[in-house]
Amino acid sequence: WKPTSKVIELSQECPLPIVVGGAAYEDGKYFNREWLLIS
C-alpha cells in the first residue's frame, strides 16, 4: 500500500485514464498484469 498509494494519488490528480502494470499475486499464482486506472 505505501507505493500503491502514490500511484493512486497520481491517478486521482490526472484527468486521464492510466495504463500501468507489474506483477500480480492472487490465489497462490503470479501474473504479468496491466491495470486501467480511472481517477
Full PDB file with SEQRES, HELIX, SHEET, SSBOND, CRYST1, ORIGX, SCALE, CONECT and MASTER records, all heavy atoms in Angstrom:
SEQRES   1 A   39  TRP LYS PRO THR SER LYS VAL ILE GLU LEU SER GLN GLU          
SEQRES   2 A   39  CYS PRO LEU PRO ILE VAL VAL GLY GLY ALA ALA TYR GLU          
SEQRES   3 A   39  ASP GLY LYS TYR PHE ASN ARG GLU TRP LEU LEU ILE SER          
HELIX    1 AA1 LYS A    2  GLU A   13  1                                  12    
SHEET    1 AA1 2 ILE A  18  GLU A  26  0                                        
SHEET    2 AA1 2 LYS A  29  LEU A  37 -1                                        
CRYST1    1.000    1.000    1.000  90.00  90.00  90.00 P 1           1          
ORIGX1      1.000000  0.000000  0.000000        0.00000                         
ORIGX2      0.000000  1.000000  0.000000        0.00000                         
ORIGX3      0.000000  0.000000  1.000000        0.00000                         
SCALE1      1.000000  0.000000  0.000000        0.00000                         
SCALE2      0.000000  1.000000  0.000000        0.00000                         
SCALE3      0.000000  0.000000  1.000000        0.00000                         
ATOM      1  N   TRP A   1       0.789  -1.230   0.000  1.00  0.00           N  
ATOM      2  CA  TRP A   1       0.000   0.000   0.000  1.00  0.00           C  
ATOM      3  C   TRP A   1       0.819   1.277   0.000  1.00  0.00           C  
ATOM      4  O   TRP A   1       0.348   2.308  -0.498  1.00  0.00           O  
ATOM      5  CB  TRP A   1      -0.973  -0.007   1.180  1.00  0.00           C  
ATOM      6  CG  TRP A   1      -2.106  -0.924   0.888  1.00  0.00           C  
ATOM      7  CD1 TRP A   1      -2.323  -2.161   1.420  1.00  0.00           C  
ATOM      8  CD2 TRP A   1      -3.155  -0.710  -0.050  1.00  0.00           C  
ATOM      9  NE1 TRP A   1      -3.444  -2.745   0.879  1.00  0.00           N  
ATOM     10  CE2 TRP A   1      -3.982  -1.865  -0.038  1.00  0.00           C  
ATOM     11  CE3 TRP A   1      -3.491   0.338  -0.907  1.00  0.00           C  
ATOM     12  CZ2 TRP A   1      -5.109  -1.989  -0.835  1.00  0.00           C  
ATOM     13  CZ3 TRP A   1      -4.614   0.215  -1.714  1.00  0.00           C  
ATOM     14  CH2 TRP A   1      -5.404  -0.945  -1.674  1.00  0.00           C  
ATOM     15  N   LYS A   2       2.019   1.261   0.518  1.00  0.00           N  
ATOM     16  CA  LYS A   2       2.799   2.502   0.538  1.00  0.00           C  
ATOM     17  C   LYS A   2       3.109   2.983  -0.886  1.00  0.00           C  
ATOM     18  O   LYS A   2       2.818   4.137  -1.231  1.00  0.00           O  
ATOM     19  CB  LYS A   2       4.080   2.305   1.347  1.00  0.00           C  
ATOM     20  CG  LYS A   2       4.846   3.604   1.551  1.00  0.00           C  
ATOM     21  CD  LYS A   2       6.028   3.406   2.493  1.00  0.00           C  
ATOM     22  CE  LYS A   2       6.776   4.724   2.714  1.00  0.00           C  
ATOM     23  NZ  LYS A   2       7.917   4.550   3.651  1.00  0.00           N  
ATOM     24  N   PRO A   3       3.697   2.137  -1.760  1.00  0.00           N  
ATOM     25  CA  PRO A   3       3.923   2.601  -3.134  1.00  0.00           C  
ATOM     26  C   PRO A   3       2.628   2.694  -3.940  1.00  0.00           C  
ATOM     27  O   PRO A   3       2.497   3.555  -4.812  1.00  0.00           O  
ATOM     28  CB  PRO A   3       4.877   1.549  -3.716  1.00  0.00           C  
ATOM     29  CG  PRO A   3       4.640   0.325  -2.893  1.00  0.00           C  
ATOM     30  CD  PRO A   3       4.282   0.798  -1.528  1.00  0.00           C  
ATOM     31  N   THR A   4       1.650   1.807  -3.639  1.00  0.00           N  
ATOM     32  CA  THR A   4       0.384   1.842  -4.366  1.00  0.00           C  
ATOM     33  C   THR A   4      -0.337   3.170  -4.148  1.00  0.00           C  
ATOM     34  O   THR A   4      -0.940   3.729  -5.069  1.00  0.00           O  
ATOM     35  CB  THR A   4      -0.532   0.679  -3.920  1.00  0.00           C  
ATOM     36  OG1 THR A   4       0.072  -0.570  -4.268  1.00  0.00           O  
ATOM     37  CG2 THR A   4      -1.891   0.768  -4.603  1.00  0.00           C  
ATOM     38  N   SER A   5      -0.260   3.701  -2.924  1.00  0.00           N  
ATOM     39  CA  SER A   5      -0.947   4.952  -2.621  1.00  0.00           C  
ATOM     40  C   SER A   5      -0.421   6.102  -3.479  1.00  0.00           C  
ATOM     41  O   SER A   5      -1.170   7.011  -3.846  1.00  0.00           O  
ATOM     42  CB  SER A   5      -0.790   5.296  -1.135  1.00  0.00           C  
ATOM     43  OG  SER A   5       0.572   5.501  -0.802  1.00  0.00           O  
ATOM     44  N   LYS A   6       0.873   6.049  -3.828  1.00  0.00           N  
ATOM     45  CA  LYS A   6       1.445   7.093  -4.682  1.00  0.00           C  
ATOM     46  C   LYS A   6       0.870   7.010  -6.096  1.00  0.00           C  
ATOM     47  O   LYS A   6       0.601   8.036  -6.726  1.00  0.00           O  
ATOM     48  CB  LYS A   6       2.972   6.960  -4.707  1.00  0.00           C  
ATOM     49  CG  LYS A   6       3.634   7.193  -3.364  1.00  0.00           C  
ATOM     50  CD  LYS A   6       5.145   7.074  -3.464  1.00  0.00           C  
ATOM     51  CE  LYS A   6       5.808   7.306  -2.112  1.00  0.00           C  
ATOM     52  NZ  LYS A   6       7.282   7.205  -2.189  1.00  0.00           N  
ATOM     53  N   VAL A   7       0.696   5.780  -6.593  1.00  0.00           N  
ATOM     54  CA  VAL A   7       0.116   5.600  -7.928  1.00  0.00           C  
ATOM     55  C   VAL A   7      -1.343   6.044  -7.936  1.00  0.00           C  
ATOM     56  O   VAL A   7      -1.805   6.713  -8.872  1.00  0.00           O  
ATOM     57  CB  VAL A   7       0.236   4.123  -8.375  1.00  0.00           C  
ATOM     58  CG1 VAL A   7      -0.443   3.913  -9.721  1.00  0.00           C  
ATOM     59  CG2 VAL A   7       1.694   3.700  -8.456  1.00  0.00           C  
ATOM     60  N   ILE A   8      -2.083   5.678  -6.884  1.00  0.00           N  
ATOM     61  CA  ILE A   8      -3.490   6.081  -6.786  1.00  0.00           C  
ATOM     62  C   ILE A   8      -3.615   7.598  -6.724  1.00  0.00           C  
ATOM     63  O   ILE A   8      -4.462   8.198  -7.396  1.00  0.00           O  
ATOM     64  CB  ILE A   8      -4.144   5.428  -5.549  1.00  0.00           C  
ATOM     65  CG1 ILE A   8      -4.251   3.912  -5.743  1.00  0.00           C  
ATOM     66  CG2 ILE A   8      -5.527   6.029  -5.305  1.00  0.00           C  
ATOM     67  CD1 ILE A   8      -4.794   3.184  -4.531  1.00  0.00           C  
ATOM     68  N   GLU A   9      -2.746   8.214  -5.933  1.00  0.00           N  
ATOM     69  CA  GLU A   9      -2.777   9.675  -5.805  1.00  0.00           C  
ATOM     70  C   GLU A   9      -2.501  10.343  -7.150  1.00  0.00           C  
ATOM     71  O   GLU A   9      -3.166  11.312  -7.527  1.00  0.00           O  
ATOM     72  CB  GLU A   9      -1.736  10.120  -4.772  1.00  0.00           C  
ATOM     73  CG  GLU A   9      -1.730  11.616  -4.512  1.00  0.00           C  
ATOM     74  CD  GLU A   9      -0.709  12.019  -3.467  1.00  0.00           C  
ATOM     75  OE1 GLU A   9      -0.199  11.111  -2.759  1.00  0.00           O  
ATOM     76  OE2 GLU A   9      -0.411  13.218  -3.368  1.00  0.00           O  
ATOM     77  N   LEU A  10      -1.532   9.814  -7.883  1.00  0.00           N  
ATOM     78  CA  LEU A  10      -1.218  10.355  -9.199  1.00  0.00           C  
ATOM     79  C   LEU A  10      -2.396  10.193 -10.155  1.00  0.00           C  
ATOM     80  O   LEU A  10      -2.741  11.106 -10.913  1.00  0.00           O  
ATOM     81  CB  LEU A  10       0.012   9.653  -9.773  1.00  0.00           C  
ATOM     82  CG  LEU A  10       0.456  10.100 -11.160  1.00  0.00           C  
ATOM     83  CD1 LEU A  10       0.892  11.556 -11.149  1.00  0.00           C  
ATOM     84  CD2 LEU A  10       1.590   9.220 -11.671  1.00  0.00           C  
ATOM     85  N   SER A  11      -3.042   9.032 -10.104  1.00  0.00           N  
ATOM     86  CA  SER A  11      -4.201   8.776 -10.957  1.00  0.00           C  
ATOM     87  C   SER A  11      -5.359   9.705 -10.620  1.00  0.00           C  
ATOM     88  O   SER A  11      -6.099  10.146 -11.507  1.00  0.00           O  
ATOM     89  CB  SER A  11      -4.640   7.310 -10.819  1.00  0.00           C  
ATOM     90  OG  SER A  11      -5.792   7.051 -11.583  1.00  0.00           O  
ATOM     91  N   GLN A  12      -5.525  10.009  -9.350  1.00  0.00           N  
ATOM     92  CA  GLN A  12      -6.595  10.913  -8.926  1.00  0.00           C  
ATOM     93  C   GLN A  12      -6.350  12.336  -9.419  1.00  0.00           C  
ATOM     94  O   GLN A  12      -7.279  13.072  -9.731  1.00  0.00           O  
ATOM     95  CB  GLN A  12      -6.726  10.893  -7.402  1.00  0.00           C  
ATOM     96  CG  GLN A  12      -7.298   9.597  -6.854  1.00  0.00           C  
ATOM     97  CD  GLN A  12      -7.240   9.524  -5.331  1.00  0.00           C  
ATOM     98  OE1 GLN A  12      -6.422  10.204  -4.695  1.00  0.00           O  
ATOM     99  NE2 GLN A  12      -8.088   8.707  -4.735  1.00  0.00           N  
ATOM    100  N   GLU A  13      -5.075  12.730  -9.485  1.00  0.00           N  
ATOM    101  CA  GLU A  13      -4.728  14.068  -9.938  1.00  0.00           C  
ATOM    102  C   GLU A  13      -4.775  14.178 -11.463  1.00  0.00           C  
ATOM    103  O   GLU A  13      -4.932  15.277 -12.004  1.00  0.00           O  
ATOM    104  CB  GLU A  13      -3.332  14.440  -9.450  1.00  0.00           C  
ATOM    105  CG  GLU A  13      -3.215  14.544  -7.936  1.00  0.00           C  
ATOM    106  CD  GLU A  13      -1.778  14.759  -7.490  1.00  0.00           C  
ATOM    107  OE1 GLU A  13      -0.875  14.698  -8.360  1.00  0.00           O  
ATOM    108  OE2 GLU A  13      -1.558  14.982  -6.281  1.00  0.00           O  
ATOM    109  N   CYS A  14      -4.636  13.036 -12.146  1.00  0.00           N  
ATOM    110  CA  CYS A  14      -4.590  13.042 -13.613  1.00  0.00           C  
ATOM    111  C   CYS A  14      -6.014  12.995 -14.178  1.00  0.00           C  
ATOM    112  O   CYS A  14      -6.823  12.158 -13.771  1.00  0.00           O  
ATOM    113  CB  CYS A  14      -3.792  11.840 -14.112  1.00  0.00           C  
ATOM    114  SG  CYS A  14      -3.678  11.731 -15.905  1.00  0.00           S  
ATOM    115  N   PRO A  15      -6.352  13.855 -15.126  1.00  0.00           N  
ATOM    116  CA  PRO A  15      -7.694  13.849 -15.699  1.00  0.00           C  
ATOM    117  C   PRO A  15      -7.924  12.732 -16.709  1.00  0.00           C  
ATOM    118  O   PRO A  15      -9.018  12.602 -17.259  1.00  0.00           O  
ATOM    119  CB  PRO A  15      -7.774  15.222 -16.384  1.00  0.00           C  
ATOM    120  CG  PRO A  15      -6.360  15.521 -16.775  1.00  0.00           C  
ATOM    121  CD  PRO A  15      -5.515  14.944 -15.679  1.00  0.00           C  
ATOM    122  N   LEU A  16      -6.894  11.923 -16.944  1.00  0.00           N  
ATOM    123  CA  LEU A  16      -6.987  10.868 -17.956  1.00  0.00           C  
ATOM    124  C   LEU A  16      -6.833   9.481 -17.329  1.00  0.00           C  
ATOM    125  O   LEU A  16      -6.209   9.332 -16.285  1.00  0.00           O  
ATOM    126  CB  LEU A  16      -5.888  11.051 -19.005  1.00  0.00           C  
ATOM    127  CG  LEU A  16      -5.856  12.385 -19.753  1.00  0.00           C  
ATOM    128  CD1 LEU A  16      -4.618  12.456 -20.624  1.00  0.00           C  
ATOM    129  CD2 LEU A  16      -7.111  12.544 -20.588  1.00  0.00           C  
ATOM    130  N   PRO A  17      -7.378   8.444 -17.970  1.00  0.00           N  
ATOM    131  CA  PRO A  17      -7.122   7.067 -17.521  1.00  0.00           C  
ATOM    132  C   PRO A  17      -5.640   6.733 -17.678  1.00  0.00           C  
ATOM    133  O   PRO A  17      -4.966   7.261 -18.567  1.00  0.00           O  
ATOM    134  CB  PRO A  17      -7.974   6.215 -18.476  1.00  0.00           C  
ATOM    135  CG  PRO A  17      -8.990   7.159 -19.038  1.00  0.00           C  
ATOM    136  CD  PRO A  17      -8.323   8.493 -19.107  1.00  0.00           C  
ATOM    137  N   ILE A  18      -5.143   5.865 -16.814  1.00  0.00           N  
ATOM    138  CA  ILE A  18      -3.733   5.468 -16.848  1.00  0.00           C  
ATOM    139  C   ILE A  18      -3.629   3.947 -16.952  1.00  0.00           C  
ATOM    140  O   ILE A  18      -4.286   3.220 -16.210  1.00  0.00           O  
ATOM    141  CB  ILE A  18      -2.985   5.939 -15.585  1.00  0.00           C  
ATOM    142  CG1 ILE A  18      -3.013   7.462 -15.462  1.00  0.00           C  
ATOM    143  CG2 ILE A  18      -1.541   5.448 -15.603  1.00  0.00           C  
ATOM    144  CD1 ILE A  18      -2.305   7.983 -14.210  1.00  0.00           C  
ATOM    145  N   VAL A  19      -2.791   3.488 -17.892  1.00  0.00           N  
ATOM    146  CA  VAL A  19      -2.473   2.064 -18.015  1.00  0.00           C  
ATOM    147  C   VAL A  19      -1.148   1.828 -17.306  1.00  0.00           C  
ATOM    148  O   VAL A  19      -0.132   2.429 -17.660  1.00  0.00           O  
ATOM    149  CB  VAL A  19      -2.372   1.636 -19.490  1.00  0.00           C  
ATOM    150  CG1 VAL A  19      -1.978   0.163 -19.589  1.00  0.00           C  
ATOM    151  CG2 VAL A  19      -3.685   1.873 -20.215  1.00  0.00           C  
ATOM    152  N   VAL A  20      -1.164   0.976 -16.300  1.00  0.00           N  
ATOM    153  CA  VAL A  20       0.034   0.735 -15.502  1.00  0.00           C  
ATOM    154  C   VAL A  20       0.106  -0.751 -15.160  1.00  0.00           C  
ATOM    155  O   VAL A  20      -0.912  -1.384 -14.889  1.00  0.00           O  
ATOM    156  CB  VAL A  20       0.019   1.612 -14.226  1.00  0.00           C  
ATOM    157  CG1 VAL A  20      -1.232   1.374 -13.416  1.00  0.00           C  
ATOM    158  CG2 VAL A  20       1.249   1.368 -13.369  1.00  0.00           C  
ATOM    159  N   GLY A  21       1.315  -1.310 -15.183  1.00  0.00           N  
ATOM    160  CA  GLY A  21       1.413  -2.750 -14.981  1.00  0.00           C  
ATOM    161  C   GLY A  21       2.520  -3.181 -14.058  1.00  0.00           C  
ATOM    162  O   GLY A  21       3.377  -2.391 -13.650  1.00  0.00           O  
ATOM    163  N   GLY A  22       2.509  -4.464 -13.750  1.00  0.00           N  
ATOM    164  CA  GLY A  22       3.514  -5.076 -12.895  1.00  0.00           C  
ATOM    165  C   GLY A  22       3.078  -6.492 -12.559  1.00  0.00           C  
ATOM    166  O   GLY A  22       2.082  -7.000 -13.073  1.00  0.00           O  
ATOM    167  N   ALA A  23       3.816  -7.123 -11.678  1.00  0.00           N  
ATOM    168  CA  ALA A  23       3.457  -8.474 -11.256  1.00  0.00           C  
ATOM    169  C   ALA A  23       2.264  -8.426 -10.309  1.00  0.00           C  
ATOM    170  O   ALA A  23       2.118  -7.499  -9.520  1.00  0.00           O  
ATOM    171  CB  ALA A  23       4.647  -9.144 -10.574  1.00  0.00           C  
ATOM    172  N   ALA A  24       1.394  -9.423 -10.407  1.00  0.00           N  
ATOM    173  CA  ALA A  24       0.230  -9.533  -9.525  1.00  0.00           C  
ATOM    174  C   ALA A  24       0.228 -10.916  -8.886  1.00  0.00           C  
ATOM    175  O   ALA A  24       0.703 -11.884  -9.485  1.00  0.00           O  
ATOM    176  CB  ALA A  24      -1.056  -9.303 -10.314  1.00  0.00           C  
ATOM    177  N   TYR A  25      -0.303 -10.989  -7.679  1.00  0.00           N  
ATOM    178  CA  TYR A  25      -0.347 -12.262  -6.947  1.00  0.00           C  
ATOM    179  C   TYR A  25      -1.763 -12.500  -6.450  1.00  0.00           C  
ATOM    180  O   TYR A  25      -2.328 -11.681  -5.727  1.00  0.00           O  
ATOM    181  CB  TYR A  25       0.619 -12.229  -5.764  1.00  0.00           C  
ATOM    182  CG  TYR A  25       0.628 -13.491  -4.943  1.00  0.00           C  
ATOM    183  CD1 TYR A  25       1.278 -14.637  -5.393  1.00  0.00           C  
ATOM    184  CD2 TYR A  25      -0.033 -13.533  -3.708  1.00  0.00           C  
ATOM    185  CE1 TYR A  25       1.280 -15.803  -4.627  1.00  0.00           C  
ATOM    186  CE2 TYR A  25      -0.031 -14.701  -2.946  1.00  0.00           C  
ATOM    187  CZ  TYR A  25       0.616 -15.829  -3.404  1.00  0.00           C  
ATOM    188  OH  TYR A  25       0.614 -16.978  -2.662  1.00  0.00           O  
ATOM    189  N   GLU A  26      -2.344 -13.613  -6.886  1.00  0.00           N  
ATOM    190  CA  GLU A  26      -3.702 -13.972  -6.465  1.00  0.00           C  
ATOM    191  C   GLU A  26      -3.838 -15.492  -6.377  1.00  0.00           C  
ATOM    192  O   GLU A  26      -3.391 -16.206  -7.284  1.00  0.00           O  
ATOM    193  CB  GLU A  26      -4.743 -13.439  -7.466  1.00  0.00           C  
ATOM    194  CG  GLU A  26      -4.986 -11.946  -7.385  1.00  0.00           C  
ATOM    195  CD  GLU A  26      -6.101 -11.495  -8.306  1.00  0.00           C  
ATOM    196  OE1 GLU A  26      -6.753 -12.377  -8.918  1.00  0.00           O  
ATOM    197  OE2 GLU A  26      -6.319 -10.284  -8.435  1.00  0.00           O  
ATOM    198  N   ASP A  27      -4.462 -15.951  -5.321  1.00  0.00           N  
ATOM    199  CA  ASP A  27      -4.759 -17.381  -5.157  1.00  0.00           C  
ATOM    200  C   ASP A  27      -3.525 -18.265  -5.363  1.00  0.00           C  
ATOM    201  O   ASP A  27      -3.596 -19.321  -6.003  1.00  0.00           O  
ATOM    202  CB  ASP A  27      -5.868 -17.810  -6.128  1.00  0.00           C  
ATOM    203  CG  ASP A  27      -7.146 -17.026  -5.915  1.00  0.00           C  
ATOM    204  OD1 ASP A  27      -7.453 -16.709  -4.755  1.00  0.00           O  
ATOM    205  OD2 ASP A  27      -7.834 -16.717  -6.904  1.00  0.00           O  
ATOM    206  N   GLY A  28      -2.392 -17.805  -4.857  1.00  0.00           N  
ATOM    207  CA  GLY A  28      -1.178 -18.606  -4.955  1.00  0.00           C  
ATOM    208  C   GLY A  28      -0.519 -18.583  -6.321  1.00  0.00           C  
ATOM    209  O   GLY A  28       0.411 -19.363  -6.566  1.00  0.00           O  
ATOM    210  N   LYS A  29      -0.960 -17.692  -7.215  1.00  0.00           N  
ATOM    211  CA  LYS A  29      -0.396 -17.614  -8.562  1.00  0.00           C  
ATOM    212  C   LYS A  29       0.119 -16.205  -8.840  1.00  0.00           C  
ATOM    213  O   LYS A  29      -0.404 -15.222  -8.325  1.00  0.00           O  
ATOM    214  CB  LYS A  29      -1.452 -17.988  -9.612  1.00  0.00           C  
ATOM    215  CG  LYS A  29      -1.949 -19.421  -9.533  1.00  0.00           C  
ATOM    216  CD  LYS A  29      -2.977 -19.693 -10.620  1.00  0.00           C  
ATOM    217  CE  LYS A  29      -3.479 -21.122 -10.566  1.00  0.00           C  
ATOM    218  NZ  LYS A  29      -4.494 -21.392 -11.625  1.00  0.00           N  
ATOM    219  N   TYR A  30       1.144 -16.127  -9.690  1.00  0.00           N  
ATOM    220  CA  TYR A  30       1.699 -14.849 -10.115  1.00  0.00           C  
ATOM    221  C   TYR A  30       1.278 -14.577 -11.557  1.00  0.00           C  
ATOM    222  O   TYR A  30       1.255 -15.495 -12.392  1.00  0.00           O  
ATOM    223  CB  TYR A  30       3.228 -14.867 -10.027  1.00  0.00           C  
ATOM    224  CG  TYR A  30       3.743 -15.038  -8.620  1.00  0.00           C  
ATOM    225  CD1 TYR A  30       4.037 -16.307  -8.110  1.00  0.00           C  
ATOM    226  CD2 TYR A  30       3.942 -13.926  -7.801  1.00  0.00           C  
ATOM    227  CE1 TYR A  30       4.518 -16.466  -6.818  1.00  0.00           C  
ATOM    228  CE2 TYR A  30       4.430 -14.078  -6.506  1.00  0.00           C  
ATOM    229  CZ  TYR A  30       4.711 -15.349  -6.024  1.00  0.00           C  
ATOM    230  OH  TYR A  30       5.175 -15.501  -4.738  1.00  0.00           O  
ATOM    231  N   PHE A  31       0.967 -13.317 -11.858  1.00  0.00           N  
ATOM    232  CA  PHE A  31       0.549 -12.929 -13.197  1.00  0.00           C  
ATOM    233  C   PHE A  31       1.312 -11.688 -13.644  1.00  0.00           C  
ATOM    234  O   PHE A  31       1.689 -10.853 -12.826  1.00  0.00           O  
ATOM    235  CB  PHE A  31      -0.954 -12.625 -13.227  1.00  0.00           C  
ATOM    236  CG  PHE A  31      -1.840 -13.777 -12.833  1.00  0.00           C  
ATOM    237  CD1 PHE A  31      -2.282 -13.899 -11.523  1.00  0.00           C  
ATOM    238  CD2 PHE A  31      -2.212 -14.732 -13.765  1.00  0.00           C  
ATOM    239  CE1 PHE A  31      -3.095 -14.959 -11.150  1.00  0.00           C  
ATOM    240  CE2 PHE A  31      -3.019 -15.799 -13.397  1.00  0.00           C  
ATOM    241  CZ  PHE A  31      -3.469 -15.910 -12.084  1.00  0.00           C  
ATOM    242  N   ASN A  32       1.532 -11.585 -14.943  1.00  0.00           N  
ATOM    243  CA  ASN A  32       2.059 -10.364 -15.545  1.00  0.00           C  
ATOM    244  C   ASN A  32       0.836  -9.548 -15.958  1.00  0.00           C  
ATOM    245  O   ASN A  32       0.140  -9.890 -16.906  1.00  0.00           O  
ATOM    246  CB  ASN A  32       2.931 -10.689 -16.761  1.00  0.00           C  
ATOM    247  CG  ASN A  32       3.644  -9.466 -17.303  1.00  0.00           C  
ATOM    248  OD1 ASN A  32       3.307  -8.331 -16.990  1.00  0.00           O  
ATOM    249  ND2 ASN A  32       4.642  -9.687 -18.149  1.00  0.00           N  
ATOM    250  N   ARG A  33       0.564  -8.444 -15.268  1.00  0.00           N  
ATOM    251  CA  ARG A  33      -0.736  -7.765 -15.375  1.00  0.00           C  
ATOM    252  C   ARG A  33      -0.611  -6.296 -15.772  1.00  0.00           C  
ATOM    253  O   ARG A  33       0.343  -5.615 -15.403  1.00  0.00           O  
ATOM    254  CB  ARG A  33      -1.468  -7.872 -14.047  1.00  0.00           C  
ATOM    255  CG  ARG A  33      -2.803  -7.148 -13.960  1.00  0.00           C  
ATOM    256  CD  ARG A  33      -3.520  -7.480 -12.667  1.00  0.00           C  
ATOM    257  NE  ARG A  33      -3.886  -8.895 -12.610  1.00  0.00           N  
ATOM    258  CZ  ARG A  33      -4.484  -9.462 -11.566  1.00  0.00           C  
ATOM    259  NH1 ARG A  33      -4.777  -8.753 -10.489  1.00  0.00           N  
ATOM    260  NH2 ARG A  33      -4.786 -10.746 -11.597  1.00  0.00           N  
ATOM    261  N   GLU A  34      -1.607  -5.838 -16.521  1.00  0.00           N  
ATOM    262  CA  GLU A  34      -1.764  -4.419 -16.828  1.00  0.00           C  
ATOM    263  C   GLU A  34      -3.114  -3.958 -16.283  1.00  0.00           C  
ATOM    264  O   GLU A  34      -4.145  -4.580 -16.564  1.00  0.00           O  
ATOM    265  CB  GLU A  34      -1.708  -4.169 -18.344  1.00  0.00           C  
ATOM    266  CG  GLU A  34      -0.343  -4.386 -18.969  1.00  0.00           C  
ATOM    267  CD  GLU A  34       0.670  -3.354 -18.558  1.00  0.00           C  
ATOM    268  OE1 GLU A  34       0.267  -2.234 -18.187  1.00  0.00           O  
ATOM    269  OE2 GLU A  34       1.883  -3.656 -18.600  1.00  0.00           O  
ATOM    270  N   TRP A  35      -3.094  -2.866 -15.509  1.00  0.00           N  
ATOM    271  CA  TRP A  35      -4.306  -2.293 -14.935  1.00  0.00           C  
ATOM    272  C   TRP A  35      -4.704  -1.047 -15.720  1.00  0.00           C  
ATOM    273  O   TRP A  35      -3.858  -0.332 -16.246  1.00  0.00           O  
ATOM    274  CB  TRP A  35      -4.080  -1.859 -13.489  1.00  0.00           C  
ATOM    275  CG  TRP A  35      -3.811  -2.950 -12.508  1.00  0.00           C  
ATOM    276  CD1 TRP A  35      -2.589  -3.482 -12.175  1.00  0.00           C  
ATOM    277  CD2 TRP A  35      -4.764  -3.636 -11.695  1.00  0.00           C  
ATOM    278  NE1 TRP A  35      -2.720  -4.450 -11.218  1.00  0.00           N  
ATOM    279  CE2 TRP A  35      -4.055  -4.563 -10.896  1.00  0.00           C  
ATOM    280  CE3 TRP A  35      -6.153  -3.550 -11.567  1.00  0.00           C  
ATOM    281  CZ2 TRP A  35      -4.681  -5.395  -9.982  1.00  0.00           C  
ATOM    282  CZ3 TRP A  35      -6.772  -4.376 -10.652  1.00  0.00           C  
ATOM    283  CH2 TRP A  35      -6.047  -5.292  -9.874  1.00  0.00           C  
ATOM    284  N   LEU A  36      -5.996  -0.766 -15.749  1.00  0.00           N  
ATOM    285  CA  LEU A  36      -6.501   0.510 -16.231  1.00  0.00           C  
ATOM    286  C   LEU A  36      -7.077   1.242 -15.034  1.00  0.00           C  
ATOM    287  O   LEU A  36      -8.044   0.792 -14.422  1.00  0.00           O  
ATOM    288  CB  LEU A  36      -7.574   0.321 -17.307  1.00  0.00           C  
ATOM    289  CG  LEU A  36      -8.215   1.621 -17.831  1.00  0.00           C  
ATOM    290  CD1 LEU A  36      -7.169   2.506 -18.508  1.00  0.00           C  
ATOM    291  CD2 LEU A  36      -9.361   1.317 -18.803  1.00  0.00           C  
ATOM    292  N   LEU A  37      -6.443   2.371 -14.677  1.00  0.00           N  
ATOM    293  CA  LEU A  37      -6.890   3.165 -13.535  1.00  0.00           C  
ATOM    294  C   LEU A  37      -7.604   4.421 -14.024  1.00  0.00           C  
ATOM    295  O   LEU A  37      -7.107   5.114 -14.912  1.00  0.00           O  
ATOM    296  CB  LEU A  37      -5.703   3.565 -12.657  1.00  0.00           C  
ATOM    297  CG  LEU A  37      -4.816   2.438 -12.118  1.00  0.00           C  
ATOM    298  CD1 LEU A  37      -3.715   3.030 -11.235  1.00  0.00           C  
ATOM    299  CD2 LEU A  37      -5.638   1.423 -11.338  1.00  0.00           C  
ATOM    300  N   ILE A  38      -8.754   4.710 -13.434  1.00  0.00           N  
ATOM    301  CA  ILE A  38      -9.508   5.920 -13.747  1.00  0.00           C  
ATOM    302  C   ILE A  38      -9.819   6.631 -12.439  1.00  0.00           C  
ATOM    303  O   ILE A  38     -10.502   6.075 -11.573  1.00  0.00           O  
ATOM    304  CB  ILE A  38     -10.805   5.605 -14.506  1.00  0.00           C  
ATOM    305  CG1 ILE A  38     -10.498   4.877 -15.824  1.00  0.00           C  
ATOM    306  CG2 ILE A  38     -11.593   6.883 -14.791  1.00  0.00           C  
ATOM    307  CD1 ILE A  38     -11.731   4.481 -16.617  1.00  0.00           C  
ATOM    308  N   SER A  39      -9.261   7.820 -12.291  1.00  0.00           N  
ATOM    309  CA  SER A  39      -9.447   8.620 -11.063  1.00  0.00           C  
ATOM    310  C   SER A  39      -9.074   7.839  -9.807  1.00  0.00           C  
ATOM    311  O   SER A  39      -9.764   7.915  -8.780  1.00  0.00           O  
ATOM    312  CB  SER A  39     -10.900   9.106 -10.971  1.00  0.00           C  
ATOM    313  OG  SER A  39     -11.224   9.923 -12.079  1.00  0.00           O  
TER     314      SER A  39                                                      
MASTER        0    0    0    1    2    0    0    6  313    1    0    3          
END                                                                             
